[in-house]
PDBML (XML) file of the C-alpha atoms, coordinates in Angstrom:
<?xml version="1.0" encoding="UTF-8" ?>
<PDBx:datablock datablockName="MODEL"
   xmlns:PDBx="http://pdbml.pdb.org/schema/pdbx-v50.xsd"
   xmlns:xsi="http://www.w3.org/2001/XMLSchema-instance"
   xsi:schemaLocation="http://pdbml.pdb.org/schema/pdbx-v50.xsd pdbx-v50.xsd">
   <PDBx:atom_siteCategory>
      <PDBx:atom_site id="1">
         <PDBx:B_iso_or_equiv>0.00</PDBx:B_iso_or_equiv>
         <PDBx:Cartn_x>6.308</PDBx:Cartn_x>
         <PDBx:Cartn_y>-30.076</PDBx:Cartn_y>
         <PDBx:Cartn_z>54.564</PDBx:Cartn_z>
         <PDBx:auth_asym_id>A</PDBx:auth_asym_id>
         <PDBx:auth_atom_id>CA</PDBx:auth_atom_id>
         <PDBx:auth_comp_id>UNK</PDBx:auth_comp_id>
         <PDBx:auth_seq_id>1</PDBx:auth_seq_id>
         <PDBx:group_PDB>ATOM</PDBx:group_PDB>
         <PDBx:label_alt_id xsi:nil="true" />
         <PDBx:label_asym_id>A</PDBx:label_asym_id>
         <PDBx:label_atom_id>CA</PDBx:label_atom_id>
         <PDBx:label_comp_id>UNK</PDBx:label_comp_id>
         <PDBx:label_entity_id>1</PDBx:label_entity_id>
         <PDBx:label_seq_id>1</PDBx:label_seq_id>
         <PDBx:occupancy>1.00</PDBx:occupancy>
         <PDBx:pdbx_PDB_model_num>1</PDBx:pdbx_PDB_model_num>
         <PDBx:type_symbol>C</PDBx:type_symbol>
      </PDBx:atom_site>
      <PDBx:atom_site id="2">
         <PDBx:B_iso_or_equiv>0.00</PDBx:B_iso_or_equiv>
         <PDBx:Cartn_x>8.237</PDBx:Cartn_x>
         <PDBx:Cartn_y>-26.912</PDBx:Cartn_y>
         <PDBx:Cartn_z>55.900</PDBx:Cartn_z>
         <PDBx:auth_asym_id>A</PDBx:auth_asym_id>
         <PDBx:auth_atom_id>CA</PDBx:auth_atom_id>
         <PDBx:auth_comp_id>UNK</PDBx:auth_comp_id>
         <PDBx:auth_seq_id>2</PDBx:auth_seq_id>
         <PDBx:group_PDB>ATOM</PDBx:group_PDB>
         <PDBx:label_alt_id xsi:nil="true" />
         <PDBx:label_asym_id>A</PDBx:label_asym_id>
         <PDBx:label_atom_id>CA</PDBx:label_atom_id>
         <PDBx:label_comp_id>UNK</PDBx:label_comp_id>
         <PDBx:label_entity_id>1</PDBx:label_entity_id>
         <PDBx:label_seq_id>2</PDBx:label_seq_id>
         <PDBx:occupancy>1.00</PDBx:occupancy>
         <PDBx:pdbx_PDB_model_num>1</PDBx:pdbx_PDB_model_num>
         <PDBx:type_symbol>C</PDBx:type_symbol>
      </PDBx:atom_site>
      <PDBx:atom_site id="3">
         <PDBx:B_iso_or_equiv>0.00</PDBx:B_iso_or_equiv>
         <PDBx:Cartn_x>5.435</PDBx:Cartn_x>
         <PDBx:Cartn_y>-24.510</PDBx:Cartn_y>
         <PDBx:Cartn_z>55.644</PDBx:Cartn_z>
         <PDBx:auth_asym_id>A</PDBx:auth_asym_id>
         <PDBx:auth_atom_id>CA</PDBx:auth_atom_id>
         <PDBx:auth_comp_id>UNK</PDBx:auth_comp_id>
         <PDBx:auth_seq_id>3</PDBx:auth_seq_id>
         <PDBx:group_PDB>ATOM</PDBx:group_PDB>
         <PDBx:label_alt_id xsi:nil="true" />
         <PDBx:label_asym_id>A</PDBx:label_asym_id>
         <PDBx:label_atom_id>CA</PDBx:label_atom_id>
         <PDBx:label_comp_id>UNK</PDBx:label_comp_id>
         <PDBx:label_entity_id>1</PDBx:label_entity_id>
         <PDBx:label_seq_id>3</PDBx:label_seq_id>
         <PDBx:occupancy>1.00</PDBx:occupancy>
         <PDBx:pdbx_PDB_model_num>1</PDBx:pdbx_PDB_model_num>
         <PDBx:type_symbol>C</PDBx:type_symbol>
      </PDBx:atom_site>
      <PDBx:atom_site id="4">
         <PDBx:B_iso_or_equiv>0.00</PDBx:B_iso_or_equiv>
         <PDBx:Cartn_x>3.219</PDBx:Cartn_x>
         <PDBx:Cartn_y>-26.901</PDBx:Cartn_y>
         <PDBx:Cartn_z>57.931</PDBx:Cartn_z>
         <PDBx:auth_asym_id>A</PDBx:auth_asym_id>
         <PDBx:auth_atom_id>CA</PDBx:auth_atom_id>
         <PDBx:auth_comp_id>UNK</PDBx:auth_comp_id>
         <PDBx:auth_seq_id>4</PDBx:auth_seq_id>
         <PDBx:group_PDB>ATOM</PDBx:group_PDB>
         <PDBx:label_alt_id xsi:nil="true" />
         <PDBx:label_asym_id>A</PDBx:label_asym_id>
         <PDBx:label_atom_id>CA</PDBx:label_atom_id>
         <PDBx:label_comp_id>UNK</PDBx:label_comp_id>
         <PDBx:label_entity_id>1</PDBx:label_entity_id>
         <PDBx:label_seq_id>4</PDBx:label_seq_id>
         <PDBx:occupancy>1.00</PDBx:occupancy>
         <PDBx:pdbx_PDB_model_num>1</PDBx:pdbx_PDB_model_num>
         <PDBx:type_symbol>C</PDBx:type_symbol>
      </PDBx:atom_site>
      <PDBx:atom_site id="5">
         <PDBx:B_iso_or_equiv>0.00</PDBx:B_iso_or_equiv>
         <PDBx:Cartn_x>6.408</PDBx:Cartn_x>
         <PDBx:Cartn_y>-27.088</PDBx:Cartn_y>
         <PDBx:Cartn_z>60.377</PDBx:Cartn_z>
         <PDBx:auth_asym_id>A</PDBx:auth_asym_id>
         <PDBx:auth_atom_id>CA</PDBx:auth_atom_id>
         <PDBx:auth_comp_id>UNK</PDBx:auth_comp_id>
         <PDBx:auth_seq_id>5</PDBx:auth_seq_id>
         <PDBx:group_PDB>ATOM</PDBx:group_PDB>
         <PDBx:label_alt_id xsi:nil="true" />
         <PDBx:label_asym_id>A</PDBx:label_asym_id>
         <PDBx:label_atom_id>CA</PDBx:label_atom_id>
         <PDBx:label_comp_id>UNK</PDBx:label_comp_id>
         <PDBx:label_entity_id>1</PDBx:label_entity_id>
         <PDBx:label_seq_id>5</PDBx:label_seq_id>
         <PDBx:occupancy>1.00</PDBx:occupancy>
         <PDBx:pdbx_PDB_model_num>1</PDBx:pdbx_PDB_model_num>
         <PDBx:type_symbol>C</PDBx:type_symbol>
      </PDBx:atom_site>
      <PDBx:atom_site id="6">
         <PDBx:B_iso_or_equiv>0.00</PDBx:B_iso_or_equiv>
         <PDBx:Cartn_x>7.187</PDBx:Cartn_x>
         <PDBx:Cartn_y>-23.485</PDBx:Cartn_y>
         <PDBx:Cartn_z>60.131</PDBx:Cartn_z>
         <PDBx:auth_asym_id>A</PDBx:auth_asym_id>
         <PDBx:auth_atom_id>CA</PDBx:auth_atom_id>
         <PDBx:auth_comp_id>UNK</PDBx:auth_comp_id>
         <PDBx:auth_seq_id>6</PDBx:auth_seq_id>
         <PDBx:group_PDB>ATOM</PDBx:group_PDB>
         <PDBx:label_alt_id xsi:nil="true" />
         <PDBx:label_asym_id>A</PDBx:label_asym_id>
         <PDBx:label_atom_id>CA</PDBx:label_atom_id>
         <PDBx:label_comp_id>UNK</PDBx:label_comp_id>
         <PDBx:label_entity_id>1</PDBx:label_entity_id>
         <PDBx:label_seq_id>6</PDBx:label_seq_id>
         <PDBx:occupancy>1.00</PDBx:occupancy>
         <PDBx:pdbx_PDB_model_num>1</PDBx:pdbx_PDB_model_num>
         <PDBx:type_symbol>C</PDBx:type_symbol>
      </PDBx:atom_site>
      <PDBx:atom_site id="7">
         <PDBx:B_iso_or_equiv>0.00</PDBx:B_iso_or_equiv>
         <PDBx:Cartn_x>4.591</PDBx:Cartn_x>
         <PDBx:Cartn_y>-20.997</PDBx:Cartn_y>
         <PDBx:Cartn_z>58.261</PDBx:Cartn_z>
         <PDBx:auth_asym_id>A</PDBx:auth_asym_id>
         <PDBx:auth_atom_id>CA</PDBx:auth_atom_id>
         <PDBx:auth_comp_id>UNK</PDBx:auth_comp_id>
         <PDBx:auth_seq_id>7</PDBx:auth_seq_id>
         <PDBx:group_PDB>ATOM</PDBx:group_PDB>
         <PDBx:label_alt_id xsi:nil="true" />
         <PDBx:label_asym_id>A</PDBx:label_asym_id>
         <PDBx:label_atom_id>CA</PDBx:label_atom_id>
         <PDBx:label_comp_id>UNK</PDBx:label_comp_id>
         <PDBx:label_entity_id>1</PDBx:label_entity_id>
         <PDBx:label_seq_id>7</PDBx:label_seq_id>
         <PDBx:occupancy>1.00</PDBx:occupancy>
         <PDBx:pdbx_PDB_model_num>1</PDBx:pdbx_PDB_model_num>
         <PDBx:type_symbol>C</PDBx:type_symbol>
      </PDBx:atom_site>
      <PDBx:atom_site id="8">
         <PDBx:B_iso_or_equiv>0.00</PDBx:B_iso_or_equiv>
         <PDBx:Cartn_x>6.441</PDBx:Cartn_x>
         <PDBx:Cartn_y>-17.932</PDBx:Cartn_y>
         <PDBx:Cartn_z>59.380</PDBx:Cartn_z>
         <PDBx:auth_asym_id>A</PDBx:auth_asym_id>
         <PDBx:auth_atom_id>CA</PDBx:auth_atom_id>
         <PDBx:auth_comp_id>UNK</PDBx:auth_comp_id>
         <PDBx:auth_seq_id>8</PDBx:auth_seq_id>
         <PDBx:group_PDB>ATOM</PDBx:group_PDB>
         <PDBx:label_alt_id xsi:nil="true" />
         <PDBx:label_asym_id>A</PDBx:label_asym_id>
         <PDBx:label_atom_id>CA</PDBx:label_atom_id>
         <PDBx:label_comp_id>UNK</PDBx:label_comp_id>
         <PDBx:label_entity_id>1</PDBx:label_entity_id>
         <PDBx:label_seq_id>8</PDBx:label_seq_id>
         <PDBx:occupancy>1.00</PDBx:occupancy>
         <PDBx:pdbx_PDB_model_num>1</PDBx:pdbx_PDB_model_num>
         <PDBx:type_symbol>C</PDBx:type_symbol>
      </PDBx:atom_site>
      <PDBx:atom_site id="9">
         <PDBx:B_iso_or_equiv>0.00</PDBx:B_iso_or_equiv>
         <PDBx:Cartn_x>9.063</PDBx:Cartn_x>
         <PDBx:Cartn_y>-17.361</PDBx:Cartn_y>
         <PDBx:Cartn_z>56.595</PDBx:Cartn_z>
         <PDBx:auth_asym_id>A</PDBx:auth_asym_id>
         <PDBx:auth_atom_id>CA</PDBx:auth_atom_id>
         <PDBx:auth_comp_id>UNK</PDBx:auth_comp_id>
         <PDBx:auth_seq_id>9</PDBx:auth_seq_id>
         <PDBx:group_PDB>ATOM</PDBx:group_PDB>
         <PDBx:label_alt_id xsi:nil="true" />
         <PDBx:label_asym_id>A</PDBx:label_asym_id>
         <PDBx:label_atom_id>CA</PDBx:label_atom_id>
         <PDBx:label_comp_id>UNK</PDBx:label_comp_id>
         <PDBx:label_entity_id>1</PDBx:label_entity_id>
         <PDBx:label_seq_id>9</PDBx:label_seq_id>
         <PDBx:occupancy>1.00</PDBx:occupancy>
         <PDBx:pdbx_PDB_model_num>1</PDBx:pdbx_PDB_model_num>
         <PDBx:type_symbol>C</PDBx:type_symbol>
      </PDBx:atom_site>
      <PDBx:atom_site id="10">
         <PDBx:B_iso_or_equiv>0.00</PDBx:B_iso_or_equiv>
         <PDBx:Cartn_x>6.177</PDBx:Cartn_x>
         <PDBx:Cartn_y>-17.730</PDBx:Cartn_y>
         <PDBx:Cartn_z>53.968</PDBx:Cartn_z>
         <PDBx:auth_asym_id>A</PDBx:auth_asym_id>
         <PDBx:auth_atom_id>CA</PDBx:auth_atom_id>
         <PDBx:auth_comp_id>UNK</PDBx:auth_comp_id>
         <PDBx:auth_seq_id>10</PDBx:auth_seq_id>
         <PDBx:group_PDB>ATOM</PDBx:group_PDB>
         <PDBx:label_alt_id xsi:nil="true" />
         <PDBx:label_asym_id>A</PDBx:label_asym_id>
         <PDBx:label_atom_id>CA</PDBx:label_atom_id>
         <PDBx:label_comp_id>UNK</PDBx:label_comp_id>
         <PDBx:label_entity_id>1</PDBx:label_entity_id>
         <PDBx:label_seq_id>10</PDBx:label_seq_id>
         <PDBx:occupancy>1.00</PDBx:occupancy>
         <PDBx:pdbx_PDB_model_num>1</PDBx:pdbx_PDB_model_num>
         <PDBx:type_symbol>C</PDBx:type_symbol>
      </PDBx:atom_site>
      <PDBx:atom_site id="11">
         <PDBx:B_iso_or_equiv>0.00</PDBx:B_iso_or_equiv>
         <PDBx:Cartn_x>4.445</PDBx:Cartn_x>
         <PDBx:Cartn_y>-15.140</PDBx:Cartn_y>
         <PDBx:Cartn_z>55.624</PDBx:Cartn_z>
         <PDBx:auth_asym_id>A</PDBx:auth_asym_id>
         <PDBx:auth_atom_id>CA</PDBx:auth_atom_id>
         <PDBx:auth_comp_id>UNK</PDBx:auth_comp_id>
         <PDBx:auth_seq_id>11</PDBx:auth_seq_id>
         <PDBx:group_PDB>ATOM</PDBx:group_PDB>
         <PDBx:label_alt_id xsi:nil="true" />
         <PDBx:label_asym_id>A</PDBx:label_asym_id>
         <PDBx:label_atom_id>CA</PDBx:label_atom_id>
         <PDBx:label_comp_id>UNK</PDBx:label_comp_id>
         <PDBx:label_entity_id>1</PDBx:label_entity_id>
         <PDBx:label_seq_id>11</PDBx:label_seq_id>
         <PDBx:occupancy>1.00</PDBx:occupancy>
         <PDBx:pdbx_PDB_model_num>1</PDBx:pdbx_PDB_model_num>
         <PDBx:type_symbol>C</PDBx:type_symbol>
      </PDBx:atom_site>
      <PDBx:atom_site id="12">
         <PDBx:B_iso_or_equiv>0.00</PDBx:B_iso_or_equiv>
         <PDBx:Cartn_x>7.556</PDBx:Cartn_x>
         <PDBx:Cartn_y>-12.969</PDBx:Cartn_y>
         <PDBx:Cartn_z>55.819</PDBx:Cartn_z>
         <PDBx:auth_asym_id>A</PDBx:auth_asym_id>
         <PDBx:auth_atom_id>CA</PDBx:auth_atom_id>
         <PDBx:auth_comp_id>UNK</PDBx:auth_comp_id>
         <PDBx:auth_seq_id>12</PDBx:auth_seq_id>
         <PDBx:group_PDB>ATOM</PDBx:group_PDB>
         <PDBx:label_alt_id xsi:nil="true" />
         <PDBx:label_asym_id>A</PDBx:label_asym_id>
         <PDBx:label_atom_id>CA</PDBx:label_atom_id>
         <PDBx:label_comp_id>UNK</PDBx:label_comp_id>
         <PDBx:label_entity_id>1</PDBx:label_entity_id>
         <PDBx:label_seq_id>12</PDBx:label_seq_id>
         <PDBx:occupancy>1.00</PDBx:occupancy>
         <PDBx:pdbx_PDB_model_num>1</PDBx:pdbx_PDB_model_num>
         <PDBx:type_symbol>C</PDBx:type_symbol>
      </PDBx:atom_site>
      <PDBx:atom_site id="13">
         <PDBx:B_iso_or_equiv>0.00</PDBx:B_iso_or_equiv>
         <PDBx:Cartn_x>7.495</PDBx:Cartn_x>
         <PDBx:Cartn_y>-12.953</PDBx:Cartn_y>
         <PDBx:Cartn_z>52.073</PDBx:Cartn_z>
         <PDBx:auth_asym_id>A</PDBx:auth_asym_id>
         <PDBx:auth_atom_id>CA</PDBx:auth_atom_id>
         <PDBx:auth_comp_id>UNK</PDBx:auth_comp_id>
         <PDBx:auth_seq_id>13</PDBx:auth_seq_id>
         <PDBx:group_PDB>ATOM</PDBx:group_PDB>
         <PDBx:label_alt_id xsi:nil="true" />
         <PDBx:label_asym_id>A</PDBx:label_asym_id>
         <PDBx:label_atom_id>CA</PDBx:label_atom_id>
         <PDBx:label_comp_id>UNK</PDBx:label_comp_id>
         <PDBx:label_entity_id>1</PDBx:label_entity_id>
         <PDBx:label_seq_id>13</PDBx:label_seq_id>
         <PDBx:occupancy>1.00</PDBx:occupancy>
         <PDBx:pdbx_PDB_model_num>1</PDBx:pdbx_PDB_model_num>
         <PDBx:type_symbol>C</PDBx:type_symbol>
      </PDBx:atom_site>
      <PDBx:atom_site id="14">
         <PDBx:B_iso_or_equiv>0.00</PDBx:B_iso_or_equiv>
         <PDBx:Cartn_x>3.682</PDBx:Cartn_x>
         <PDBx:Cartn_y>-12.951</PDBx:Cartn_y>
         <PDBx:Cartn_z>51.840</PDBx:Cartn_z>
         <PDBx:auth_asym_id>A</PDBx:auth_asym_id>
         <PDBx:auth_atom_id>CA</PDBx:auth_atom_id>
         <PDBx:auth_comp_id>UNK</PDBx:auth_comp_id>
         <PDBx:auth_seq_id>14</PDBx:auth_seq_id>
         <PDBx:group_PDB>ATOM</PDBx:group_PDB>
         <PDBx:label_alt_id xsi:nil="true" />
         <PDBx:label_asym_id>A</PDBx:label_asym_id>
         <PDBx:label_atom_id>CA</PDBx:label_atom_id>
         <PDBx:label_comp_id>UNK</PDBx:label_comp_id>
         <PDBx:label_entity_id>1</PDBx:label_entity_id>
         <PDBx:label_seq_id>14</PDBx:label_seq_id>
         <PDBx:occupancy>1.00</PDBx:occupancy>
         <PDBx:pdbx_PDB_model_num>1</PDBx:pdbx_PDB_model_num>
         <PDBx:type_symbol>C</PDBx:type_symbol>
      </PDBx:atom_site>
      <PDBx:atom_site id="15">
         <PDBx:B_iso_or_equiv>0.00</PDBx:B_iso_or_equiv>
         <PDBx:Cartn_x>3.981</PDBx:Cartn_x>
         <PDBx:Cartn_y>-9.562</PDBx:Cartn_y>
         <PDBx:Cartn_z>54.059</PDBx:Cartn_z>
         <PDBx:auth_asym_id>A</PDBx:auth_asym_id>
         <PDBx:auth_atom_id>CA</PDBx:auth_atom_id>
         <PDBx:auth_comp_id>UNK</PDBx:auth_comp_id>
         <PDBx:auth_seq_id>15</PDBx:auth_seq_id>
         <PDBx:group_PDB>ATOM</PDBx:group_PDB>
         <PDBx:label_alt_id xsi:nil="true" />
         <PDBx:label_asym_id>A</PDBx:label_asym_id>
         <PDBx:label_atom_id>CA</PDBx:label_atom_id>
         <PDBx:label_comp_id>UNK</PDBx:label_comp_id>
         <PDBx:label_entity_id>1</PDBx:label_entity_id>
         <PDBx:label_seq_id>15</PDBx:label_seq_id>
         <PDBx:occupancy>1.00</PDBx:occupancy>
         <PDBx:pdbx_PDB_model_num>1</PDBx:pdbx_PDB_model_num>
         <PDBx:type_symbol>C</PDBx:type_symbol>
      </PDBx:atom_site>
      <PDBx:atom_site id="16">
         <PDBx:B_iso_or_equiv>0.00</PDBx:B_iso_or_equiv>
         <PDBx:Cartn_x>6.344</PDBx:Cartn_x>
         <PDBx:Cartn_y>-7.972</PDBx:Cartn_y>
         <PDBx:Cartn_z>51.493</PDBx:Cartn_z>
         <PDBx:auth_asym_id>A</PDBx:auth_asym_id>
         <PDBx:auth_atom_id>CA</PDBx:auth_atom_id>
         <PDBx:auth_comp_id>UNK</PDBx:auth_comp_id>
         <PDBx:auth_seq_id>16</PDBx:auth_seq_id>
         <PDBx:group_PDB>ATOM</PDBx:group_PDB>
         <PDBx:label_alt_id xsi:nil="true" />
         <PDBx:label_asym_id>A</PDBx:label_asym_id>
         <PDBx:label_atom_id>CA</PDBx:label_atom_id>
         <PDBx:label_comp_id>UNK</PDBx:label_comp_id>
         <PDBx:label_entity_id>1</PDBx:label_entity_id>
         <PDBx:label_seq_id>16</PDBx:label_seq_id>
         <PDBx:occupancy>1.00</PDBx:occupancy>
         <PDBx:pdbx_PDB_model_num>1</PDBx:pdbx_PDB_model_num>
         <PDBx:type_symbol>C</PDBx:type_symbol>
      </PDBx:atom_site>
      <PDBx:atom_site id="17">
         <PDBx:B_iso_or_equiv>0.00</PDBx:B_iso_or_equiv>
         <PDBx:Cartn_x>4.211</PDBx:Cartn_x>
         <PDBx:Cartn_y>-9.032</PDBx:Cartn_y>
         <PDBx:Cartn_z>48.376</PDBx:Cartn_z>
         <PDBx:auth_asym_id>A</PDBx:auth_asym_id>
         <PDBx:auth_atom_id>CA</PDBx:auth_atom_id>
         <PDBx:auth_comp_id>UNK</PDBx:auth_comp_id>
         <PDBx:auth_seq_id>17</PDBx:auth_seq_id>
         <PDBx:group_PDB>ATOM</PDBx:group_PDB>
         <PDBx:label_alt_id xsi:nil="true" />
         <PDBx:label_asym_id>A</PDBx:label_asym_id>
         <PDBx:label_atom_id>CA</PDBx:label_atom_id>
         <PDBx:label_comp_id>UNK</PDBx:label_comp_id>
         <PDBx:label_entity_id>1</PDBx:label_entity_id>
         <PDBx:label_seq_id>17</PDBx:label_seq_id>
         <PDBx:occupancy>1.00</PDBx:occupancy>
         <PDBx:pdbx_PDB_model_num>1</PDBx:pdbx_PDB_model_num>
         <PDBx:type_symbol>C</PDBx:type_symbol>
      </PDBx:atom_site>
      <PDBx:atom_site id="18">
         <PDBx:B_iso_or_equiv>0.00</PDBx:B_iso_or_equiv>
         <PDBx:Cartn_x>0.783</PDBx:Cartn_x>
         <PDBx:Cartn_y>-8.440</PDBx:Cartn_y>
         <PDBx:Cartn_z>49.734</PDBx:Cartn_z>
         <PDBx:auth_asym_id>A</PDBx:auth_asym_id>
         <PDBx:auth_atom_id>CA</PDBx:auth_atom_id>
         <PDBx:auth_comp_id>UNK</PDBx:auth_comp_id>
         <PDBx:auth_seq_id>18</PDBx:auth_seq_id>
         <PDBx:group_PDB>ATOM</PDBx:group_PDB>
         <PDBx:label_alt_id xsi:nil="true" />
         <PDBx:label_asym_id>A</PDBx:label_asym_id>
         <PDBx:label_atom_id>CA</PDBx:label_atom_id>
         <PDBx:label_comp_id>UNK</PDBx:label_comp_id>
         <PDBx:label_entity_id>1</PDBx:label_entity_id>
         <PDBx:label_seq_id>18</PDBx:label_seq_id>
         <PDBx:occupancy>1.00</PDBx:occupancy>
         <PDBx:pdbx_PDB_model_num>1</PDBx:pdbx_PDB_model_num>
         <PDBx:type_symbol>C</PDBx:type_symbol>
      </PDBx:atom_site>
      <PDBx:atom_site id="19">
         <PDBx:B_iso_or_equiv>0.00</PDBx:B_iso_or_equiv>
         <PDBx:Cartn_x>-0.932</PDBx:Cartn_x>
         <PDBx:Cartn_y>-6.499</PDBx:Cartn_y>
         <PDBx:Cartn_z>47.169</PDBx:Cartn_z>
         <PDBx:auth_asym_id>A</PDBx:auth_asym_id>
         <PDBx:auth_atom_id>CA</PDBx:auth_atom_id>
         <PDBx:auth_comp_id>UNK</PDBx:auth_comp_id>
         <PDBx:auth_seq_id>19</PDBx:auth_seq_id>
         <PDBx:group_PDB>ATOM</PDBx:group_PDB>
         <PDBx:label_alt_id xsi:nil="true" />
         <PDBx:label_asym_id>A</PDBx:label_asym_id>
         <PDBx:label_atom_id>CA</PDBx:label_atom_id>
         <PDBx:label_comp_id>UNK</PDBx:label_comp_id>
         <PDBx:label_entity_id>1</PDBx:label_entity_id>
         <PDBx:label_seq_id>19</PDBx:label_seq_id>
         <PDBx:occupancy>1.00</PDBx:occupancy>
         <PDBx:pdbx_PDB_model_num>1</PDBx:pdbx_PDB_model_num>
         <PDBx:type_symbol>C</PDBx:type_symbol>
      </PDBx:atom_site>
      <PDBx:atom_site id="20">
         <PDBx:B_iso_or_equiv>0.00</PDBx:B_iso_or_equiv>
         <PDBx:Cartn_x>-0.852</PDBx:Cartn_x>
         <PDBx:Cartn_y>-2.527</PDBx:Cartn_y>
         <PDBx:Cartn_z>48.033</PDBx:Cartn_z>
         <PDBx:auth_asym_id>A</PDBx:auth_asym_id>
         <PDBx:auth_atom_id>CA</PDBx:auth_atom_id>
         <PDBx:auth_comp_id>UNK</PDBx:auth_comp_id>
         <PDBx:auth_seq_id>20</PDBx:auth_seq_id>
         <PDBx:group_PDB>ATOM</PDBx:group_PDB>
         <PDBx:label_alt_id xsi:nil="true" />
         <PDBx:label_asym_id>A</PDBx:label_asym_id>
         <PDBx:label_atom_id>CA</PDBx:label_atom_id>
         <PDBx:label_comp_id>UNK</PDBx:label_comp_id>
         <PDBx:label_entity_id>1</PDBx:label_entity_id>
         <PDBx:label_seq_id>20</PDBx:label_seq_id>
         <PDBx:occupancy>1.00</PDBx:occupancy>
         <PDBx:pdbx_PDB_model_num>1</PDBx:pdbx_PDB_model_num>
         <PDBx:type_symbol>C</PDBx:type_symbol>
      </PDBx:atom_site>
      <PDBx:atom_site id="21">
         <PDBx:B_iso_or_equiv>0.00</PDBx:B_iso_or_equiv>
         <PDBx:Cartn_x>3.140</PDBx:Cartn_x>
         <PDBx:Cartn_y>-2.534</PDBx:Cartn_y>
         <PDBx:Cartn_z>48.796</PDBx:Cartn_z>
         <PDBx:auth_asym_id>A</PDBx:auth_asym_id>
         <PDBx:auth_atom_id>CA</PDBx:auth_atom_id>
         <PDBx:auth_comp_id>UNK</PDBx:auth_comp_id>
         <PDBx:auth_seq_id>21</PDBx:auth_seq_id>
         <PDBx:group_PDB>ATOM</PDBx:group_PDB>
         <PDBx:label_alt_id xsi:nil="true" />
         <PDBx:label_asym_id>A</PDBx:label_asym_id>
         <PDBx:label_atom_id>CA</PDBx:label_atom_id>
         <PDBx:label_comp_id>UNK</PDBx:label_comp_id>
         <PDBx:label_entity_id>1</PDBx:label_entity_id>
         <PDBx:label_seq_id>21</PDBx:label_seq_id>
         <PDBx:occupancy>1.00</PDBx:occupancy>
         <PDBx:pdbx_PDB_model_num>1</PDBx:pdbx_PDB_model_num>
         <PDBx:type_symbol>C</PDBx:type_symbol>
      </PDBx:atom_site>
      <PDBx:atom_site id="22">
         <PDBx:B_iso_or_equiv>0.00</PDBx:B_iso_or_equiv>
         <PDBx:Cartn_x>4.243</PDBx:Cartn_x>
         <PDBx:Cartn_y>-2.148</PDBx:Cartn_y>
         <PDBx:Cartn_z>45.263</PDBx:Cartn_z>
         <PDBx:auth_asym_id>A</PDBx:auth_asym_id>
         <PDBx:auth_atom_id>CA</PDBx:auth_atom_id>
         <PDBx:auth_comp_id>UNK</PDBx:auth_comp_id>
         <PDBx:auth_seq_id>22</PDBx:auth_seq_id>
         <PDBx:group_PDB>ATOM</PDBx:group_PDB>
         <PDBx:label_alt_id xsi:nil="true" />
         <PDBx:label_asym_id>A</PDBx:label_asym_id>
         <PDBx:label_atom_id>CA</PDBx:label_atom_id>
         <PDBx:label_comp_id>UNK</PDBx:label_comp_id>
         <PDBx:label_entity_id>1</PDBx:label_entity_id>
         <PDBx:label_seq_id>22</PDBx:label_seq_id>
         <PDBx:occupancy>1.00</PDBx:occupancy>
         <PDBx:pdbx_PDB_model_num>1</PDBx:pdbx_PDB_model_num>
         <PDBx:type_symbol>C</PDBx:type_symbol>
      </PDBx:atom_site>
      <PDBx:atom_site id="23">
         <PDBx:B_iso_or_equiv>0.00</PDBx:B_iso_or_equiv>
         <PDBx:Cartn_x>2.957</PDBx:Cartn_x>
         <PDBx:Cartn_y>-0.463</PDBx:Cartn_y>
         <PDBx:Cartn_z>41.920</PDBx:Cartn_z>
         <PDBx:auth_asym_id>A</PDBx:auth_asym_id>
         <PDBx:auth_atom_id>CA</PDBx:auth_atom_id>
         <PDBx:auth_comp_id>UNK</PDBx:auth_comp_id>
         <PDBx:auth_seq_id>23</PDBx:auth_seq_id>
         <PDBx:group_PDB>ATOM</PDBx:group_PDB>
         <PDBx:label_alt_id xsi:nil="true" />
         <PDBx:label_asym_id>A</PDBx:label_asym_id>
         <PDBx:label_atom_id>CA</PDBx:label_atom_id>
         <PDBx:label_comp_id>UNK</PDBx:label_comp_id>
         <PDBx:label_entity_id>1</PDBx:label_entity_id>
         <PDBx:label_seq_id>23</PDBx:label_seq_id>
         <PDBx:occupancy>1.00</PDBx:occupancy>
         <PDBx:pdbx_PDB_model_num>1</PDBx:pdbx_PDB_model_num>
         <PDBx:type_symbol>C</PDBx:type_symbol>
      </PDBx:atom_site>
      <PDBx:atom_site id="24">
         <PDBx:B_iso_or_equiv>0.00</PDBx:B_iso_or_equiv>
         <PDBx:Cartn_x>2.640</PDBx:Cartn_x>
         <PDBx:Cartn_y>-1.623</PDBx:Cartn_y>
         <PDBx:Cartn_z>38.470</PDBx:Cartn_z>
         <PDBx:auth_asym_id>A</PDBx:auth_asym_id>
         <PDBx:auth_atom_id>CA</PDBx:auth_atom_id>
         <PDBx:auth_comp_id>UNK</PDBx:auth_comp_id>
         <PDBx:auth_seq_id>24</PDBx:auth_seq_id>
         <PDBx:group_PDB>ATOM</PDBx:group_PDB>
         <PDBx:label_alt_id xsi:nil="true" />
         <PDBx:label_asym_id>A</PDBx:label_asym_id>
         <PDBx:label_atom_id>CA</PDBx:label_atom_id>
         <PDBx:label_comp_id>UNK</PDBx:label_comp_id>
         <PDBx:label_entity_id>1</PDBx:label_entity_id>
         <PDBx:label_seq_id>24</PDBx:label_seq_id>
         <PDBx:occupancy>1.00</PDBx:occupancy>
         <PDBx:pdbx_PDB_model_num>1</PDBx:pdbx_PDB_model_num>
         <PDBx:type_symbol>C</PDBx:type_symbol>
      </PDBx:atom_site>
      <PDBx:atom_site id="25">
         <PDBx:B_iso_or_equiv>0.00</PDBx:B_iso_or_equiv>
         <PDBx:Cartn_x>5.412</PDBx:Cartn_x>
         <PDBx:Cartn_y>-0.209</PDBx:Cartn_y>
         <PDBx:Cartn_z>35.934</PDBx:Cartn_z>
         <PDBx:auth_asym_id>A</PDBx:auth_asym_id>
         <PDBx:auth_atom_id>CA</PDBx:auth_atom_id>
         <PDBx:auth_comp_id>UNK</PDBx:auth_comp_id>
         <PDBx:auth_seq_id>25</PDBx:auth_seq_id>
         <PDBx:group_PDB>ATOM</PDBx:group_PDB>
         <PDBx:label_alt_id xsi:nil="true" />
         <PDBx:label_asym_id>A</PDBx:label_asym_id>
         <PDBx:label_atom_id>CA</PDBx:label_atom_id>
         <PDBx:label_comp_id>UNK</PDBx:label_comp_id>
         <PDBx:label_entity_id>1</PDBx:label_entity_id>
         <PDBx:label_seq_id>25</PDBx:label_seq_id>
         <PDBx:occupancy>1.00</PDBx:occupancy>
         <PDBx:pdbx_PDB_model_num>1</PDBx:pdbx_PDB_model_num>
         <PDBx:type_symbol>C</PDBx:type_symbol>
      </PDBx:atom_site>
   </PDBx:atom_siteCategory>
</PDBx:datablock>
């Protein structure tokens, strides 16, 4: 419900977690 009203916060998180930003340990 929140995503459909305002998807911006989710995509802020997505930008941070998108594959390529971090490496396995």
